[in-house]
Amino acid sequence: MVSARREGDTVIVFIPGWMSDSEERRWVDEMVRRLERSEARRRSPARKGDEELKRRSVELSRRYLDGRAVPTTVRWVPPMRTRWASCTPVDGTIRISERLRDVPGWVVDYVLVHELAHLLESGHDEAFWAWVHRYPRAERAIGYLEGLSAAAGLGLVGVDDERPTDDDADPVVGAEPAAETA
């Protein structure tokens, strides 16, 4: 059995000891190609820039929110202190933390759907979560972001640095009335 994984910038390939040097070289090349293809499929095209991020938002709104959430701007911003992203419903502005540029595309998509839902429902009530949960990977993405936050010791939870209760849980992405300040 041959397998591979990435640790930081290094690709680790596991190869049985009985393989010849030429077989090892062939399998290392093959596994690096497979890993890179897999990573490329998972990357969101939105990570390339703000225009792509906005294009992706419009597509996600069309697909999951009946096209009703129409942001005026969607952009990458330097890492925020207390949240992964933010939305100002009054002017339709969505900001996504650059900390998310390297996460799988389906996680970025969740964050975008979450923020787009704030354009329809500003709070975190049942109506808001009904919109968010139209995205089929919402729960999985929430878990991913919780794990990422815990692993990095970021403590990114809730809105305005508050810890959510079970009834008002918004564990990974916050909406805010105005732009984040550093």
C-alpha atoms as a PDB file:
ATOM      1  CA  MET A   1       0.000   0.000   0.000  1.00  0.00           C
ATOM      2  CA  VAL A   2       1.327   3.428  -0.988  1.00  0.00           C
ATOM      3  CA  SER A   3      -0.080   6.607   0.560  1.00  0.00           C
ATOM      4  CA  ALA A   4       0.819  10.281   0.825  1.00  0.00           C
ATOM      5  CA  ARG A   5       0.000  13.303   2.939  1.00  0.00           C
ATOM      6  CA  ARG A   6       1.161  16.874   3.239  1.00  0.00           C
ATOM      7  CA  GLU A   7       2.787  18.277   6.369  1.00  0.00           C
ATOM      8  CA  GLY A   8       3.238  21.996   5.830  1.00  0.00           C
ATOM      9  CA  ASP A   9       5.197  22.402   2.594  1.00  0.00           C
ATOM     10  CA  THR A  10       6.477  18.806   2.679  1.00  0.00           C
ATOM     11  CA  VAL A  11       4.814  15.822   1.017  1.00  0.00           C
ATOM     12  CA  ILE A  12       5.323  12.568   2.927  1.00  0.00           C
ATOM     13  CA  VAL A  13       4.970   9.399   0.841  1.00  0.00           C
ATOM     14  CA  PHE A  14       4.690   6.017   2.550  1.00  0.00           C
ATOM     15  CA  ILE A  15       6.131   3.173   0.464  1.00  0.00           C
ATOM     16  CA  PRO A  16       6.663  -0.504   1.330  1.00  0.00           C
ATOM     17  CA  GLY A  17      10.306  -1.341   2.029  1.00  0.00           C
ATOM     18  CA  TRP A  18      10.436  -4.099  -0.577  1.00  0.00           C
ATOM     19  CA  MET A  19      10.097  -1.695  -3.544  1.00  0.00           C
ATOM     20  CA  SER A  20      13.064  -1.062  -5.803  1.00  0.00           C
ATOM     21  CA  ASP A  21      14.559   2.431  -6.155  1.00  0.00           C
ATOM     22  CA  SER A  22      12.939   2.877  -9.563  1.00  0.00           C
ATOM     23  CA  GLU A  23       9.518   1.803  -8.217  1.00  0.00           C
ATOM     24  CA  GLU A  24       9.929   4.204  -5.290  1.00  0.00           C
ATOM     25  CA  ARG A  25      10.730   7.122  -7.624  1.00  0.00           C
ATOM     26  CA  ARG A  26       7.758   6.257  -9.843  1.00  0.00           C
ATOM     27  CA  TRP A  27       5.382   6.018  -6.869  1.00  0.00           C
ATOM     28  CA  VAL A  28       6.656   9.224  -5.243  1.00  0.00           C
ATOM     29  CA  ASP A  29       6.053  11.113  -8.503  1.00  0.00           C
ATOM     30  CA  GLU A  30       2.620   9.522  -8.890  1.00  0.00           C
ATOM     31  CA  MET A  31       1.537  10.226  -5.305  1.00  0.00           C
ATOM     32  CA  VAL A  32       2.709  13.851  -5.459  1.00  0.00           C
ATOM     33  CA  ARG A  33       0.667  14.283  -8.668  1.00  0.00           C
ATOM     34  CA  ARG A  34      -2.404  12.705  -7.034  1.00  0.00           C
ATOM     35  CA  LEU A  35      -2.080  14.841  -3.910  1.00  0.00           C
ATOM     36  CA  GLU A  36      -1.703  18.027  -5.945  1.00  0.00           C
ATOM     37  CA  ARG A  37      -4.762  17.136  -8.071  1.00  0.00           C
ATOM     38  CA  SER A  38      -6.776  16.463  -4.927  1.00  0.00           C
ATOM     39  CA  GLU A  39      -5.704  19.754  -3.341  1.00  0.00           C
ATOM     40  CA  ALA A  40      -6.483  21.664  -6.538  1.00  0.00           C
ATOM     41  CA  ARG A  41     -10.025  20.217  -6.615  1.00  0.00           C
ATOM     42  CA  ARG A  42     -10.595  21.303  -3.016  1.00  0.00           C
ATOM     43  CA  ARG A  43      -9.342  24.861  -3.521  1.00  0.00           C
ATOM     44  CA  SER A  44     -11.955  27.489  -4.057  1.00  0.00           C
ATOM     45  CA  PRO A  45     -11.459  29.698  -7.088  1.00  0.00           C
ATOM     46  CA  ALA A  46     -12.549  32.502  -4.753  1.00  0.00           C
ATOM     47  CA  ARG A  47      -9.162  32.506  -3.043  1.00  0.00           C
ATOM     48  CA  LYS A  48      -7.568  34.156  -6.091  1.00  0.00           C
ATOM     49  CA  GLY A  49      -8.949  37.621  -5.376  1.00  0.00           C
ATOM     50  CA  ASP A  50     -11.870  39.809  -4.428  1.00  0.00           C
ATOM     51  CA  GLU A  51     -13.574  39.616  -7.846  1.00  0.00           C
ATOM     52  CA  GLU A  52     -13.544  35.824  -7.746  1.00  0.00           C
ATOM     53  CA  LEU A  53     -14.770  35.924  -4.138  1.00  0.00           C
ATOM     54  CA  LYS A  54     -17.723  38.103  -5.160  1.00  0.00           C
ATOM     55  CA  ARG A  55     -18.460  35.885  -8.185  1.00  0.00           C
ATOM     56  CA  ARG A  56     -18.499  32.845  -5.918  1.00  0.00           C
ATOM     57  CA  SER A  57     -20.823  34.638  -3.487  1.00  0.00           C
ATOM     58  CA  VAL A  58     -23.305  35.410  -6.248  1.00  0.00           C
ATOM     59  CA  GLU A  59     -23.217  31.764  -7.368  1.00  0.00           C
ATOM     60  CA  LEU A  60     -23.749  30.500  -3.799  1.00  0.00           C
ATOM     61  CA  SER A  61     -26.613  32.957  -3.272  1.00  0.00           C
ATOM     62  CA  ARG A  62     -28.238  31.701  -6.469  1.00  0.00           C
ATOM     63  CA  ARG A  63     -27.754  28.065  -5.515  1.00  0.00           C
ATOM     64  CA  TYR A  64     -28.673  28.099  -1.816  1.00  0.00           C
ATOM     65  CA  LEU A  65     -30.456  31.379  -1.059  1.00  0.00           C
ATOM     66  CA  ASP A  66     -32.747  31.690  -4.082  1.00  0.00           C
ATOM     67  CA  GLY A  67     -30.522  34.520  -5.370  1.00  0.00           C
ATOM     68  CA  ARG A  68     -31.971  36.820  -2.706  1.00  0.00           C
ATOM     69  CA  ALA A  69     -28.679  37.755  -0.999  1.00  0.00           C
ATOM     70  CA  VAL A  70     -26.909  40.328  -3.158  1.00  0.00           C
ATOM     71  CA  PRO A  71     -23.706  41.699  -1.648  1.00  0.00           C
ATOM     72  CA  THR A  72     -22.333  45.043  -2.817  1.00  0.00           C
ATOM     73  CA  THR A  73     -18.747  44.059  -2.029  1.00  0.00           C
ATOM     74  CA  VAL A  74     -17.049  40.872  -0.915  1.00  0.00           C
ATOM     75  CA  ARG A  75     -13.364  41.042  -0.132  1.00  0.00           C
ATOM     76  CA  TRP A  76     -10.453  39.404   1.607  1.00  0.00           C
ATOM     77  CA  VAL A  77      -9.203  41.353   4.619  1.00  0.00           C
ATOM     78  CA  PRO A  78      -6.229  40.955   6.958  1.00  0.00           C
ATOM     79  CA  PRO A  79      -6.883  38.472   9.785  1.00  0.00           C
ATOM     80  CA  MET A  80      -9.552  39.686  12.180  1.00  0.00           C
ATOM     81  CA  ARG A  81      -9.081  39.418  15.922  1.00  0.00           C
ATOM     82  CA  THR A  82     -12.348  37.740  16.853  1.00  0.00           C
ATOM     83  CA  ARG A  83     -13.994  36.216  13.795  1.00  0.00           C
ATOM     84  CA  TRP A  84     -13.482  34.470  10.483  1.00  0.00           C
ATOM     85  CA  ALA A  85     -15.667  36.891   8.549  1.00  0.00           C
ATOM     86  CA  SER A  86     -18.112  39.722   8.991  1.00  0.00           C
ATOM     87  CA  CYS A  87     -21.055  41.305   7.247  1.00  0.00           C
ATOM     88  CA  THR A  88     -22.593  44.760   7.363  1.00  0.00           C
ATOM     89  CA  PRO A  89     -26.172  44.193   6.165  1.00  0.00           C
ATOM     90  CA  VAL A  90     -26.922  47.925   5.890  1.00  0.00           C
ATOM     91  CA  ASP A  91     -24.471  48.386   3.008  1.00  0.00           C
ATOM     92  CA  GLY A  92     -24.130  44.769   1.826  1.00  0.00           C
ATOM     93  CA  THR A  93     -20.423  44.532   2.624  1.00  0.00           C
ATOM     94  CA  ILE A  94     -18.876  41.135   3.389  1.00  0.00           C
ATOM     95  CA  ARG A  95     -15.310  40.724   4.639  1.00  0.00           C
ATOM     96  CA  ILE A  96     -13.523  37.351   4.769  1.00  0.00           C
ATOM     97  CA  SER A  97     -10.395  36.857   6.859  1.00  0.00           C
ATOM     98  CA  GLU A  98      -7.267  35.969   4.900  1.00  0.00           C
ATOM     99  CA  ARG A  99      -6.764  33.201   7.489  1.00  0.00           C
ATOM    100  CA  LEU A 100      -9.258  31.256   5.361  1.00  0.00           C
ATOM    101  CA  ARG A 101      -7.353  31.446   2.059  1.00  0.00           C
ATOM    102  CA  ASP A 102      -5.844  27.980   2.531  1.00  0.00           C
ATOM    103  CA  VAL A 103      -8.839  26.081   3.895  1.00  0.00           C
ATOM    104  CA  PRO A 104     -10.793  23.734   1.607  1.00  0.00           C
ATOM    105  CA  GLY A 105     -13.144  25.450  -0.813  1.00  0.00           C
ATOM    106  CA  TRP A 106     -16.260  23.988   0.816  1.00  0.00           C
ATOM    107  CA  VAL A 107     -15.302  25.749   4.073  1.00  0.00           C
ATOM    108  CA  VAL A 108     -14.918  29.114   2.313  1.00  0.00           C
ATOM    109  CA  ASP A 109     -18.275  28.424   0.653  1.00  0.00           C
ATOM    110  CA  TYR A 110     -19.885  27.866   4.063  1.00  0.00           C
ATOM    111  CA  VAL A 111     -18.447  31.120   5.401  1.00  0.00           C
ATOM    112  CA  LEU A 112     -19.752  32.962   2.349  1.00  0.00           C
ATOM    113  CA  VAL A 113     -23.229  31.397   2.706  1.00  0.00           C
ATOM    114  CA  HIS A 114     -23.223  32.304   6.406  1.00  0.00           C
ATOM    115  CA  GLU A 115     -22.384  35.923   5.666  1.00  0.00           C
ATOM    116  CA  LEU A 116     -24.794  36.079   2.719  1.00  0.00           C
ATOM    117  CA  ALA A 117     -27.554  34.834   5.032  1.00  0.00           C
ATOM    118  CA  HIS A 118     -26.924  37.929   7.170  1.00  0.00           C
ATOM    119  CA  LEU A 119     -28.046  40.015   4.202  1.00  0.00           C
ATOM    120  CA  LEU A 120     -31.419  38.275   4.579  1.00  0.00           C
ATOM    121  CA  GLU A 121     -31.564  37.955   8.376  1.00  0.00           C
ATOM    122  CA  SER A 122     -29.220  40.138  10.425  1.00  0.00           C
ATOM    123  CA  GLY A 123     -29.427  38.135  13.663  1.00  0.00           C
ATOM    124  CA  HIS A 124     -28.843  34.484  14.482  1.00  0.00           C
ATOM    125  CA  ASP A 125     -32.436  33.402  14.872  1.00  0.00           C
ATOM    126  CA  GLU A 126     -34.177  30.337  13.453  1.00  0.00           C
ATOM    127  CA  ALA A 127     -34.843  32.055  10.130  1.00  0.00           C
ATOM    128  CA  PHE A 128     -31.143  32.862   9.751  1.00  0.00           C
ATOM    129  CA  TRP A 129     -30.051  29.281  10.499  1.00  0.00           C
ATOM    130  CA  ALA A 130     -32.699  27.931   8.127  1.00  0.00           C
ATOM    131  CA  TRP A 131     -30.988  29.863   5.332  1.00  0.00           C
ATOM    132  CA  VAL A 132     -27.490  28.779   6.407  1.00  0.00           C
ATOM    133  CA  HIS A 133     -28.423  25.103   6.641  1.00  0.00           C
ATOM    134  CA  ARG A 134     -29.516  25.072   3.025  1.00  0.00           C
ATOM    135  CA  TYR A 135     -25.783  24.717   2.407  1.00  0.00           C
ATOM    136  CA  PRO A 136     -25.321  20.933   2.681  1.00  0.00           C
ATOM    137  CA  ARG A 137     -21.880  21.038   4.299  1.00  0.00           C
ATOM    138  CA  ALA A 138     -22.736  23.637   6.951  1.00  0.00           C
ATOM    139  CA  GLU A 139     -22.313  21.366   9.984  1.00  0.00           C
ATOM    140  CA  ARG A 140     -19.118  19.856   8.618  1.00  0.00           C
ATOM    141  CA  ALA A 141     -17.655  23.320   7.925  1.00  0.00           C
ATOM    142  CA  ILE A 142     -18.607  24.547  11.403  1.00  0.00           C
ATOM    143  CA  GLY A 143     -16.727  21.581  12.875  1.00  0.00           C
ATOM    144  CA  TYR A 144     -13.741  22.248  10.620  1.00  0.00           C
ATOM    145  CA  LEU A 145     -13.561  25.896  11.709  1.00  0.00           C
ATOM    146  CA  GLU A 146     -13.974  25.005  15.374  1.00  0.00           C
ATOM    147  CA  GLY A 147     -11.080  22.552  15.054  1.00  0.00           C
ATOM    148  CA  LEU A 148      -8.957  25.066  13.166  1.00  0.00           C
ATOM    149  CA  SER A 149      -9.601  27.698  15.798  1.00  0.00           C
ATOM    150  CA  ALA A 150      -8.781  25.299  18.645  1.00  0.00           C
ATOM    151  CA  ALA A 151      -5.626  23.992  16.957  1.00  0.00           C
ATOM    152  CA  ALA A 152      -4.345  27.495  16.310  1.00  0.00           C
ATOM    153  CA  GLY A 153      -5.370  28.727  19.759  1.00  0.00           C
ATOM    154  CA  LEU A 154      -7.332  31.527  18.115  1.00  0.00           C
ATOM    155  CA  GLY A 155     -10.486  31.272  20.204  1.00  0.00           C
ATOM    156  CA  LEU A 156     -12.569  32.566  17.278  1.00  0.00           C
ATOM    157  CA  VAL A 157     -16.113  32.002  18.478  1.00  0.00           C
ATOM    158  CA  GLY A 158     -19.347  33.918  18.779  1.00  0.00           C
ATOM    159  CA  VAL A 159     -20.171  37.498  18.013  1.00  0.00           C
ATOM    160  CA  ASP A 160     -18.444  40.456  19.664  1.00  0.00           C
ATOM    161  CA  ASP A 161     -16.235  38.144  21.733  1.00  0.00           C
ATOM    162  CA  GLU A 162     -19.239  36.534  23.445  1.00  0.00           C
ATOM    163  CA  ARG A 163     -19.407  32.783  23.845  1.00  0.00           C
ATOM    164  CA  PRO A 164     -22.581  31.445  22.214  1.00  0.00           C
ATOM    165  CA  THR A 165     -25.150  29.534  24.200  1.00  0.00           C
ATOM    166  CA  ASP A 166     -26.662  26.311  22.888  1.00  0.00           C
ATOM    167  CA  ASP A 167     -29.772  28.256  21.886  1.00  0.00           C
ATOM    168  CA  ASP A 168     -27.880  30.982  20.005  1.00  0.00           C
ATOM    169  CA  ALA A 169     -24.837  29.137  18.734  1.00  0.00           C
ATOM    170  CA  ASP A 170     -22.790  30.863  16.061  1.00  0.00           C
ATOM    171  CA  PRO A 171     -19.530  29.134  16.839  1.00  0.00           C
ATOM    172  CA  VAL A 172     -17.407  30.172  13.938  1.00  0.00           C
ATOM    173  CA  VAL A 173     -18.509  33.196  12.008  1.00  0.00           C
ATOM    174  CA  GLY A 174     -19.818  36.469  13.335  1.00  0.00           C
ATOM    175  CA  ALA A 175     -21.907  39.238  11.917  1.00  0.00           C
ATOM    176  CA  GLU A 176     -21.115  42.703  13.024  1.00  0.00           C
ATOM    177  CA  PRO A 177     -22.827  46.035  12.542  1.00  0.00           C
ATOM    178  CA  ALA A 178     -19.647  47.785  11.359  1.00  0.00           C
ATOM    179  CA  ALA A 179     -16.199  46.957  10.022  1.00  0.00           C
ATOM    180  CA  GLU A 180     -13.735  45.121  12.287  1.00  0.00           C
ATOM    181  CA  THR A 181     -11.102  47.315  13.902  1.00  0.00           C
ATOM    182  CA  ALA A 182      -7.587  46.146  14.591  1.00  0.00           C
END
